[in-house]
Protein backbone atom coordinates (compact mmCIF):
# COMPACT_ATOMS: atom_id res chain seq x y z
CA MET A 1 64.80 65.95 94.07
CA LEU A 2 66.22 66.25 90.55
CA ARG A 3 63.06 64.76 89.01
CA ARG A 4 61.00 67.65 90.40
CA LEU A 5 62.90 70.06 88.15
CA PHE A 6 61.49 68.39 85.04
CA PRO A 7 57.83 68.50 83.92
CA SER A 8 55.68 65.41 84.23
CA ALA A 9 54.66 63.45 81.16
CA ALA A 10 51.20 65.04 81.29
CA ALA A 11 52.57 68.58 81.58
CA LEU A 12 55.38 68.21 79.02
CA PRO A 13 53.28 69.00 75.90
CA TYR A 14 52.12 72.27 77.46
CA VAL A 15 55.67 73.19 78.46
CA LEU A 16 56.79 72.51 74.89
CA LEU A 17 54.01 74.72 73.50
CA VAL A 18 54.91 77.61 75.80
CA PHE A 19 58.57 77.21 74.84
CA ALA A 20 57.75 77.21 71.12
CA THR A 21 55.63 80.36 71.28
CA LEU A 22 58.35 82.10 73.28
CA CYS A 23 60.81 81.27 70.50
CA TRP A 24 58.52 82.65 67.80
CA ALA A 25 57.82 85.83 69.75
CA GLY A 26 61.59 86.18 70.11
CA ASN A 27 61.90 86.17 66.32
CA PHE A 28 60.15 89.55 66.11
CA ILE A 29 61.87 91.04 69.14
CA LEU A 30 65.35 90.04 68.03
CA ALA A 31 64.79 91.14 64.43
CA ARG A 32 63.75 94.57 65.68
CA ALA A 33 66.64 94.74 68.15
CA MET A 34 69.20 93.97 65.41
CA HIS A 35 67.65 96.05 62.62
CA ALA A 36 70.44 98.65 62.78
CA ASP A 37 73.18 95.99 62.67
CA ILE A 38 71.99 93.44 60.11
CA ALA A 39 70.17 94.39 56.89
CA PRO A 40 66.79 92.62 56.50
CA ILE A 41 67.52 90.43 53.47
CA THR A 42 70.87 89.41 54.95
CA LEU A 43 69.10 88.48 58.18
CA ALA A 44 66.44 86.44 56.35
CA PHE A 45 69.02 84.67 54.18
CA GLY A 46 71.24 83.91 57.17
CA ARG A 47 68.33 82.57 59.19
CA TRP A 48 67.16 80.14 56.52
CA LEU A 49 70.70 79.05 55.66
CA VAL A 50 71.33 78.07 59.28
CA ALA A 51 67.96 76.29 59.43
CA LEU A 52 68.76 74.32 56.26
CA LEU A 53 72.17 73.25 57.60
CA VAL A 54 70.55 72.08 60.83
CA LEU A 55 67.77 70.20 59.00
CA LEU A 56 69.86 68.51 56.29
CA PRO A 57 71.18 65.60 58.38
CA ILE A 58 67.56 64.62 59.12
CA ALA A 59 65.97 65.64 55.83
CA TRP A 60 68.54 64.49 53.26
CA PRO A 61 67.80 60.73 53.51
CA ARG A 62 64.10 61.49 53.31
CA ILE A 63 64.60 63.75 50.29
CA ARG A 64 66.47 60.99 48.46
CA GLU A 65 63.73 58.50 49.33
CA GLN A 66 60.91 60.78 48.13
CA LEU A 67 62.69 62.45 45.22
CA PRO A 68 60.23 61.15 42.56
CA GLN A 69 57.27 62.52 44.55
CA LEU A 70 59.01 65.86 45.10
CA ARG A 71 59.68 66.20 41.39
CA ARG A 72 56.02 65.63 40.57
CA VAL A 73 54.95 68.56 42.77
CA TRP A 74 57.82 70.94 41.93
CA LYS A 75 55.46 73.75 40.92
CA ARG A 76 53.72 73.72 44.30
CA LEU A 77 57.08 73.53 46.08
CA PHE A 78 58.20 76.55 44.04
CA TRP A 79 55.25 78.65 45.22
CA LEU A 80 55.58 77.39 48.80
CA ALA A 81 59.20 78.55 48.75
CA ALA A 82 58.29 81.87 47.17
CA TYR A 83 55.58 82.76 49.70
CA GLY A 84 56.76 80.96 52.84
CA ILE A 85 60.54 81.37 52.68
CA ALA A 86 61.66 84.03 50.22
CA THR A 87 58.93 86.62 50.76
CA SER A 88 57.15 86.31 54.11
CA ASN A 89 59.92 86.75 56.68
CA THR A 90 61.86 89.09 54.39
CA LEU A 91 58.95 91.54 54.25
CA ILE A 92 58.52 91.27 58.02
CA TYR A 93 62.20 91.98 58.63
CA ILE A 94 62.09 94.97 56.27
CA GLY A 95 58.95 96.20 58.01
CA LEU A 96 60.67 95.94 61.39
CA HIS A 97 63.09 98.62 60.20
CA HIS A 98 60.14 101.05 60.16
CA THR A 99 57.82 99.87 62.93
CA ASN A 100 58.25 98.51 66.44
CA ALA A 101 58.22 94.89 67.54
CA THR A 102 55.01 95.39 69.53
CA ASN A 103 52.97 96.26 66.46
CA ALA A 104 54.55 93.47 64.41
CA VAL A 105 53.98 90.74 66.95
CA LEU A 106 50.38 91.76 67.61
CA PHE A 107 49.59 91.45 63.91
CA ASN A 108 50.19 87.69 64.26
CA ALA A 109 46.67 87.52 65.64
CA LEU A 110 45.52 88.29 62.10
CA ILE A 111 46.83 85.02 60.62
CA PRO A 112 43.76 82.84 61.41
CA LEU A 113 41.56 85.52 59.83
CA MET A 114 43.69 85.62 56.67
CA VAL A 115 43.78 81.84 56.40
CA MET A 116 39.99 81.65 56.79
CA LEU A 117 39.45 84.19 54.01
CA LEU A 118 41.93 82.53 51.68
CA SER A 119 40.42 79.10 52.32
CA TRP A 120 37.06 80.55 51.31
CA ALA A 121 38.51 82.17 48.17
CA VAL A 122 40.77 79.32 47.01
CA TRP A 123 39.13 76.15 48.29
CA ARG A 124 35.56 77.49 48.35
CA LYS A 125 35.18 76.64 52.01
CA PRO A 126 31.74 78.04 52.97
CA LEU A 127 31.61 80.73 55.65
CA ALA A 128 28.61 81.28 57.92
CA GLY A 129 27.19 84.68 58.80
CA ARG A 130 28.83 84.66 62.24
CA GLU A 131 32.19 84.01 60.56
CA TRP A 132 31.81 87.07 58.34
CA LEU A 133 30.78 89.16 61.34
CA GLY A 134 33.66 87.88 63.42
CA MET A 135 36.14 88.57 60.61
CA SER A 136 34.81 92.11 60.25
CA GLY A 137 35.38 92.69 63.95
CA SER A 138 38.93 91.30 63.73
CA LEU A 139 39.65 93.56 60.76
CA PHE A 140 38.54 96.56 62.81
CA GLY A 141 40.98 95.55 65.55
CA VAL A 142 43.82 95.34 63.04
CA LEU A 143 42.99 98.76 61.60
CA LEU A 144 42.92 100.19 65.12
CA ILE A 145 46.51 99.03 65.65
CA ILE A 146 47.68 100.17 62.21
CA CYS A 147 46.33 103.70 62.67
CA HIS A 148 47.67 103.86 66.26
CA GLY A 149 44.20 104.32 67.73
CA GLN A 150 43.44 107.33 65.53
CA LEU A 151 40.88 106.18 63.00
CA GLY A 152 41.14 109.55 61.25
CA ARG A 153 44.43 108.30 59.81
CA LEU A 154 42.42 105.91 57.66
CA LEU A 155 40.89 108.83 55.78
CA ALA A 156 44.23 110.57 55.44
CA LEU A 157 45.97 107.32 54.44
CA ASP A 158 48.61 108.12 57.04
CA PHE A 159 49.89 104.59 57.59
CA ASN A 160 53.22 103.40 58.89
CA SER A 161 54.97 101.68 55.98
CA GLY A 162 56.51 99.19 58.37
CA ASP A 163 53.09 98.08 59.59
CA ALA A 164 51.95 97.56 55.99
CA LEU A 165 55.04 95.47 55.17
CA VAL A 166 54.56 93.29 58.24
CA VAL A 167 50.91 92.68 57.32
CA ALA A 168 51.99 91.89 53.74
CA GLY A 169 54.52 89.39 55.09
CA LEU A 170 51.87 87.71 57.23
CA ALA A 171 49.54 87.63 54.21
CA CYS A 172 52.25 85.78 52.25
CA TRP A 173 52.55 83.31 55.11
CA SER A 174 48.77 82.80 55.03
CA VAL A 175 48.92 82.05 51.29
CA TYR A 176 51.70 79.57 52.03
CA THR A 177 49.54 77.88 54.68
CA VAL A 178 46.59 77.53 52.31
CA LEU A 179 48.81 76.14 49.55
CA LEU A 180 50.02 73.45 51.93
CA ARG A 181 46.59 71.86 51.72
CA GLY A 182 47.60 70.53 48.32
CA VAL A 183 50.66 68.70 49.68
CA ARG A 184 49.90 65.03 50.08
CA GLU A 185 49.95 63.53 53.55
CA SER A 186 52.28 60.79 52.28
CA MET A 187 55.05 63.33 51.70
CA ASP A 188 57.56 63.72 54.50
CA ARG A 189 57.24 67.15 56.15
CA PHE A 190 60.95 67.43 56.85
CA ALA A 191 61.75 66.74 53.20
CA VAL A 192 59.22 69.34 52.03
CA LEU A 193 60.51 71.87 54.56
CA ALA A 194 64.17 71.39 53.56
CA VAL A 195 63.44 71.58 49.83
CA THR A 196 61.33 74.72 50.16
CA ILE A 197 64.02 76.39 52.29
CA ALA A 198 66.65 75.54 49.66
CA LEU A 199 64.47 76.93 46.86
CA GLY A 200 63.72 80.04 48.91
CA LEU A 201 67.43 80.67 49.45
CA VAL A 202 68.01 80.51 45.69
CA MET A 203 65.20 83.05 45.19
CA LEU A 204 66.66 85.35 47.84
CA LEU A 205 70.21 85.19 46.47
CA PRO A 206 69.87 87.97 43.80
CA PHE A 207 68.29 90.31 46.36
CA LEU A 208 71.00 89.44 48.87
CA ILE A 209 73.70 90.33 46.33
CA TRP A 210 71.94 93.64 45.60
CA GLU A 211 71.64 94.46 49.30
CA LEU A 212 75.27 93.59 50.03
CA SER A 213 76.42 95.77 47.14
CA HIS A 214 74.61 98.74 48.73
CA VAL A 215 75.12 98.25 52.47
CA GLY A 216 77.91 95.68 52.64
CA LEU A 217 78.33 92.78 55.03
CA PRO A 218 77.26 93.20 58.66
CA VAL A 219 79.99 93.67 61.21
CA ALA A 220 81.47 90.34 62.30
CA SER A 221 80.49 90.47 65.95
CA GLY A 222 79.43 87.94 68.52
CA ALA A 223 76.00 89.59 68.86
CA ASN A 224 75.31 89.43 65.12
CA LEU A 225 76.41 85.81 64.87
CA ALA A 226 74.39 84.80 67.92
CA SER A 227 71.30 86.52 66.50
CA VAL A 228 71.45 84.67 63.19
CA LEU A 229 72.13 81.36 64.95
CA TYR A 230 69.18 81.91 67.29
CA LEU A 231 66.81 82.71 64.42
CA GLY A 232 68.00 79.75 62.37
CA ILE A 233 67.96 77.20 65.19
CA PHE A 234 65.27 78.10 67.70
CA PRO A 235 62.26 79.61 65.84
CA SER A 236 62.97 77.68 62.61
CA VAL A 237 63.86 74.18 63.88
CA ILE A 238 63.70 73.50 67.63
CA ALA A 239 60.39 75.31 68.21
CA LEU A 240 58.90 73.50 65.22
CA LEU A 241 59.97 70.11 66.60
CA ALA A 242 58.62 70.98 70.06
CA TYR A 243 55.31 72.03 68.53
CA MET A 244 55.04 68.87 66.44
CA ARG A 245 55.68 66.75 69.54
CA ALA A 246 52.95 68.56 71.46
CA VAL A 247 50.51 68.18 68.56
CA ASN A 248 51.07 64.42 68.55
CA VAL A 249 49.91 64.30 72.18
CA LEU A 250 47.23 66.99 72.39
CA GLY A 251 45.93 67.11 68.83
CA PRO A 252 46.10 70.03 66.36
CA THR A 253 43.12 72.05 67.58
CA ARG A 254 44.16 72.24 71.24
CA ALA A 255 47.77 72.92 70.32
CA ALA A 256 46.91 75.63 67.78
CA GLY A 257 45.15 77.64 70.48
CA PHE A 258 48.57 78.26 72.06
CA LEU A 259 49.60 80.31 69.00
CA HIS A 260 47.73 83.20 70.60
CA LEU A 261 50.52 83.34 73.18
CA ILE A 262 52.83 84.80 70.51
CA PRO A 263 51.26 88.29 70.56
CA ALA A 264 51.11 88.21 74.37
CA PHE A 265 54.73 87.14 74.84
CA GLY A 266 55.89 89.45 72.06
CA ALA A 267 54.22 92.55 73.45
CA VAL A 268 55.55 91.92 76.96
CA GLY A 269 59.00 91.02 75.68
CA ALA A 270 59.21 94.13 73.51
CA GLY A 271 58.38 96.25 76.53
CA VAL A 272 60.90 94.57 78.82
CA LEU A 273 63.79 94.04 76.39
CA LEU A 274 63.35 96.91 73.92
CA GLY A 275 61.71 99.50 76.16
CA GLU A 276 58.69 99.79 73.86
CA GLN A 277 55.52 101.12 75.43
CA LEU A 278 52.38 99.01 75.25
CA ALA A 279 49.75 101.60 74.37
CA PHE A 280 46.02 101.38 74.99
CA TYR A 281 45.28 100.93 71.27
CA HIS A 282 47.53 97.83 71.24
CA VAL A 283 45.51 96.20 74.02
CA ALA A 284 42.16 97.31 72.59
CA GLY A 285 43.04 96.19 69.06
CA LEU A 286 44.28 92.80 70.21
CA ALA A 287 41.18 92.27 72.35
CA ILE A 288 38.93 93.09 69.38
CA ILE A 289 40.90 90.73 67.11
CA PHE A 290 40.62 87.83 69.55
CA THR A 291 36.94 88.51 70.19
CA GLY A 292 36.25 88.46 66.46
CA LEU A 293 38.20 85.26 65.94
CA TYR A 294 36.49 83.57 68.89
CA TYR A 295 33.07 84.59 67.62
CA ALA A 296 33.86 83.45 64.08
CA GLN A 297 35.38 80.09 64.93
CA GLY A 298 34.59 79.34 68.55
CA GLN A 299 37.25 77.71 70.69
CA ALA A 300 38.81 75.96 67.70
CA ALA A 301 40.40 79.20 66.55
CA ALA A 302 42.88 77.86 64.06
CA LYS A 303 41.62 74.91 62.01
CA VAL A 304 44.62 74.72 59.70
CA PRO A 305 47.40 72.14 59.59
CA ALA A 306 48.95 72.87 62.99
CA THR A 307 52.20 71.01 62.31
CA VAL A 308 52.88 73.42 59.47
CA LEU A 309 51.92 76.80 60.88
CA PRO A 310 55.04 77.52 62.90
CA GLN A 311 57.55 77.21 60.06
CA GLN A 312 57.33 80.93 59.21
CA ARG A 313 57.80 82.30 62.70
């Protein structure tokens, strides 16, 4: 009887993928829910500090073993930390002070499009005509969400600053993803992750000090502590490990397709937990984005290193 409560070996990878995407959707919902209680840079710094403390017991021996290799690629690690740790989530958290979680989580559908464009620009990966057409359609879907279904706002430049910051944060994450292509396969991913988090925390420290001098420390409450612990443990570490396990069984392409559950879970969760209304332009924009991505890339919607993608969530 007890065995029936646990998934079978065949179903376990899919359960892990659903769990991981739920955690990453929760990142946006929780950050929006706590935006009045915890300042954005403080939230980002706290999240990554918790993640580093959780990772260190696993990563430290690997860092010591690969220290010569890590030193040789310190410039790339610096930029990975700048884009993936210090900037990306911080911009998203700041943006969530000015926009709702529904908008922010739906913009995640834009990441494959951004990565495809950056791969073309940086690595000169050729793009076919259908890819350009599909990307154009996805861009239209994003603009539809940004202007809240009123395309006239585009002419008046009447954008929500929070939406723009979230998109900027996702763009930084896309740059981070493309830069990861230059990291050798022989380098341990946990070591790279821990080192980039540590560097990102150092970069964030001056901004944290500035923010604390203006708004002070957040109130020491159980809700605030639980929020930071959740963000540092679940989206940053446990979800990543679950995703990596599923990738080992299913392969990167099949597993990456589950990333599209993040906008779906996020939009529903924002409605249930935050009382946000899912408007028609949200559904229409997301449908257009997915249609464009499917047309551009087919069923293999995210051909990027799948074991790396979730780190930012």
